[in-house]
């Protein structure tokens, strides 16, 4: 049982970094009265996933791009129908910048992106996860169910979470109303995108 709990915490720690880039905030094609064009205009609006398996649990994600701001959320579940909540991630970022184009192995193309993290919160949504986080002193935080806690600048089971204003590097591949993102990095761009599909709403 102890090993299972430690494995679960390791997965949650890995998700802390992986999720933020799985999510590039208010819909619309303008920012501050300036009309957006090109790739930045293409990613504006709301994007969501269906319920999918992470390998250890299940998740549904959503993010919104508004101008150069990003808000993102991921809810985690213990069941394949995504009905029994366990914990939630929420984040915000600013200064979304779209850089050079990149080509992928399937012949499609996308772009490099960067953004600066502003908020990175975790919320436990079940008593068992709250107990697990507290028993393991996860991120050095005293967890209360349904109360968000910031993990910026924390060490969470060996995963160092960057502080506020840290820059994330990522890639995206946009195909019509479907979008794929990479797993974000803090020092360099990832080498490709994941299989998690975001659909524009």
Protein backbone atom coordinates (compact mmCIF):
# COMPACT_ATOMS: atom_id res chain seq x y z
CA UNK A 1 0.00 0.00 0.00
CA UNK A 2 2.83 2.39 0.86
CA UNK A 3 4.52 1.71 -2.51
CA UNK A 4 1.22 2.33 -4.32
CA UNK A 5 0.86 5.68 -2.53
CA UNK A 6 4.44 6.67 -3.39
CA UNK A 7 3.87 5.71 -7.04
CA UNK A 8 0.71 7.80 -7.12
CA UNK A 9 2.54 10.82 -5.71
CA UNK A 10 5.28 10.38 -8.29
CA UNK A 11 2.66 10.45 -11.05
CA UNK A 12 1.03 13.57 -9.58
CA UNK A 13 4.44 15.24 -9.36
CA UNK A 14 5.16 14.49 -13.00
CA UNK A 15 1.77 15.90 -13.96
CA UNK A 16 2.59 19.18 -12.25
CA UNK A 17 5.03 20.06 -15.00
CA UNK A 18 3.42 18.16 -17.83
CA UNK A 19 0.00 19.70 -17.38
CA UNK A 20 0.91 23.29 -17.55
CA UNK A 21 2.00 22.93 -21.10
CA UNK A 22 -0.86 20.73 -21.95
CA UNK A 23 -2.75 23.92 -21.58
CA UNK A 24 -2.02 27.29 -23.63
CA UNK A 25 -7.36 33.18 -21.79
CA UNK A 26 -11.66 35.14 -22.68
CA UNK A 27 -12.49 34.18 -26.17
CA UNK A 28 -12.11 36.49 -29.08
CA UNK A 29 -9.69 37.64 -31.70
CA UNK A 30 -8.50 40.90 -30.21
CA UNK A 31 -6.46 42.09 -27.26
CA UNK A 32 -6.51 45.61 -25.89
CA UNK A 33 -8.24 46.89 -28.99
CA UNK A 34 -5.57 45.42 -31.30
CA UNK A 35 -6.76 42.96 -33.94
CA UNK A 36 -4.80 39.71 -33.79
CA UNK A 37 -3.65 38.00 -36.97
CA UNK A 38 -1.72 34.90 -38.00
CA UNK A 39 -0.95 31.98 -35.70
CA UNK A 40 -1.80 33.94 -32.52
CA UNK A 41 -5.29 34.61 -33.85
CA UNK A 42 -5.69 30.94 -34.78
CA UNK A 43 -5.30 29.70 -31.19
CA UNK A 44 -7.68 32.19 -29.53
CA UNK A 45 -10.71 30.79 -27.69
CA UNK A 46 -11.71 27.75 -25.65
CA UNK A 47 -10.17 24.29 -26.10
CA UNK A 48 -11.22 21.07 -24.33
CA UNK A 49 -10.39 17.37 -24.24
CA UNK A 50 -12.71 14.44 -23.76
CA UNK A 51 -12.17 12.10 -20.81
CA UNK A 52 -8.92 10.19 -21.38
CA UNK A 53 -6.61 7.79 -19.55
CA UNK A 54 -3.33 9.14 -18.22
CA UNK A 55 -2.06 5.63 -17.56
CA UNK A 56 -2.66 5.82 -13.81
CA UNK A 57 -5.99 7.67 -13.66
CA UNK A 58 -8.29 9.69 -15.96
CA UNK A 59 -8.49 13.36 -16.84
CA UNK A 60 -10.40 16.06 -18.65
CA UNK A 61 -8.62 19.28 -19.57
CA UNK A 62 -9.63 22.72 -20.78
CA UNK A 63 -7.79 25.93 -21.56
CA UNK A 64 -8.60 29.36 -22.93
CA UNK A 65 -6.38 31.73 -24.88
CA UNK A 66 -7.30 35.42 -24.76
CA UNK A 67 -4.81 37.66 -26.51
CA UNK A 68 -1.49 36.63 -24.98
CA UNK A 69 -3.00 35.29 -21.72
CA UNK A 70 -3.71 31.65 -20.90
CA UNK A 71 -5.92 30.01 -18.30
CA UNK A 72 -5.98 26.23 -17.93
CA UNK A 73 -7.63 23.56 -15.83
CA UNK A 74 -7.39 19.78 -15.58
CA UNK A 75 -9.68 17.61 -13.48
CA UNK A 76 -8.53 14.11 -12.49
CA UNK A 77 -10.75 11.12 -11.80
CA UNK A 78 -10.47 7.57 -10.53
CA UNK A 79 -12.87 6.10 -13.13
CA UNK A 80 -13.03 5.84 -16.90
CA UNK A 81 -16.29 7.80 -17.10
CA UNK A 82 -14.63 10.79 -15.39
CA UNK A 83 -17.30 11.02 -12.72
CA UNK A 84 -15.38 10.44 -9.45
CA UNK A 85 -13.11 13.45 -8.86
CA UNK A 86 -9.79 13.14 -7.04
CA UNK A 87 -7.84 16.37 -7.63
CA UNK A 88 -7.63 19.43 -9.89
CA UNK A 89 -4.93 21.56 -11.43
CA UNK A 90 -5.48 25.22 -12.41
CA UNK A 91 -2.97 27.63 -13.89
CA UNK A 92 -2.58 30.99 -15.57
CA UNK A 93 0.17 32.35 -17.79
CA UNK A 94 0.96 35.56 -19.64
CA UNK A 95 3.12 36.72 -22.55
CA UNK A 96 2.17 33.92 -24.94
CA UNK A 97 4.56 34.25 -27.84
CA UNK A 98 4.48 32.20 -31.02
CA UNK A 99 7.88 31.63 -32.58
CA UNK A 100 9.32 29.67 -35.47
CA UNK A 101 7.38 27.04 -37.37
CA UNK A 102 8.31 23.38 -36.89
CA UNK A 103 7.70 20.28 -39.00
CA UNK A 104 6.47 17.03 -37.47
CA UNK A 105 7.22 13.47 -38.55
CA UNK A 106 3.69 12.99 -39.95
CA UNK A 107 4.24 15.79 -42.47
CA UNK A 108 2.18 18.39 -40.61
CA UNK A 109 3.62 21.60 -39.19
CA UNK A 110 3.15 23.75 -36.13
CA UNK A 111 4.89 26.39 -34.05
CA UNK A 112 7.15 26.92 -31.08
CA UNK A 113 5.56 28.84 -28.21
CA UNK A 114 6.64 30.35 -24.90
CA UNK A 115 4.63 31.70 -21.98
CA UNK A 116 5.31 32.89 -18.42
CA UNK A 117 3.62 31.10 -15.50
CA UNK A 118 1.68 33.31 -13.08
CA UNK A 119 -0.37 30.85 -11.01
CA UNK A 120 -0.14 27.09 -10.50
CA UNK A 121 -2.65 25.64 -8.02
CA UNK A 122 -3.60 22.14 -6.95
CA UNK A 123 -6.86 21.25 -5.19
CA UNK A 124 -7.65 17.90 -3.59
CA UNK A 125 -11.24 16.86 -4.30
CA UNK A 126 -11.53 13.70 -2.22
CA UNK A 127 -10.80 12.86 1.39
CA UNK A 128 -8.52 9.99 0.39
CA UNK A 129 -6.33 12.25 -1.78
CA UNK A 130 -6.29 14.92 0.91
CA UNK A 131 -5.10 12.33 3.43
CA UNK A 132 -2.51 11.02 0.97
CA UNK A 133 -1.10 14.49 0.27
CA UNK A 134 -0.93 15.32 3.98
CA UNK A 135 0.53 11.97 5.05
CA UNK A 136 3.34 12.37 2.51
CA UNK A 137 3.79 16.10 3.18
CA UNK A 138 3.30 16.61 -0.56
CA UNK A 139 4.91 19.91 -1.67
CA UNK A 140 5.38 20.81 2.02
CA UNK A 141 1.77 22.03 2.15
CA UNK A 142 -0.99 21.29 4.66
CA UNK A 143 -3.84 20.29 2.34
CA UNK A 144 -7.53 20.98 2.96
CA UNK A 145 -10.06 19.38 0.63
CA UNK A 146 -11.59 21.79 -1.93
CA UNK A 147 -9.13 24.58 -1.02
CA UNK A 148 -6.63 25.48 -3.81
CA UNK A 149 -2.96 25.69 -2.83
CA UNK A 150 -0.17 27.23 -4.88
CA UNK A 151 2.76 24.96 -5.70
CA UNK A 152 4.88 27.60 -7.43
CA UNK A 153 8.48 27.36 -6.23
CA UNK A 154 7.76 24.17 -4.25
CA UNK A 155 9.50 20.81 -4.32
CA UNK A 156 6.81 18.15 -4.79
CA UNK A 157 8.13 14.62 -4.26
CA UNK A 158 11.35 15.44 -6.07
CA UNK A 159 9.76 17.58 -8.79
CA UNK A 160 10.92 21.20 -8.53
CA UNK A 161 8.12 23.54 -9.59
CA UNK A 162 9.47 26.76 -11.12
CA UNK A 163 8.63 30.06 -9.39
CA UNK A 164 6.23 32.72 -10.68
CA UNK A 165 7.23 34.39 -13.97
CA UNK A 166 9.26 31.37 -15.10
CA UNK A 167 9.14 30.80 -18.86
CA UNK A 168 7.81 27.56 -20.33
CA UNK A 169 8.76 26.31 -23.79
CA UNK A 170 6.36 24.21 -25.86
CA UNK A 171 5.13 23.24 -29.33
CA UNK A 172 1.69 23.02 -30.87
CA UNK A 173 0.19 21.39 -33.94
CA UNK A 174 -3.10 22.92 -35.15
CA UNK A 175 -5.23 20.97 -37.64
CA UNK A 176 -8.54 22.75 -38.22
CA UNK A 177 -10.38 22.72 -34.88
CA UNK A 178 -8.02 20.12 -33.39
CA UNK A 179 -4.90 20.98 -31.44
CA UNK A 180 -2.01 18.93 -30.06
CA UNK A 181 0.52 20.27 -27.54
CA UNK A 182 3.87 19.03 -26.32
CA UNK A 183 4.93 18.47 -22.75
CA UNK A 184 6.34 21.83 -21.63
CA UNK A 185 9.96 22.34 -20.71
CA UNK A 186 11.62 25.07 -18.67
CA UNK A 187 14.95 25.23 -20.50
CA UNK A 188 14.31 24.08 -24.08
CA UNK A 189 11.51 23.09 -26.45
CA UNK A 190 10.11 19.53 -26.35
CA UNK A 191 10.87 17.30 -29.30
CA UNK A 192 7.25 16.65 -30.28
CA UNK A 193 3.58 16.79 -29.33
CA UNK A 194 1.58 14.32 -27.23
CA UNK A 195 -1.50 12.37 -28.29
CA UNK A 196 -3.91 14.38 -26.11
CA UNK A 197 -6.39 16.07 -28.47
CA UNK A 198 -7.89 19.47 -27.71
CA UNK A 199 -10.98 20.51 -29.68
CA UNK A 200 -11.98 24.14 -30.19
CA UNK A 201 -15.40 25.04 -28.80
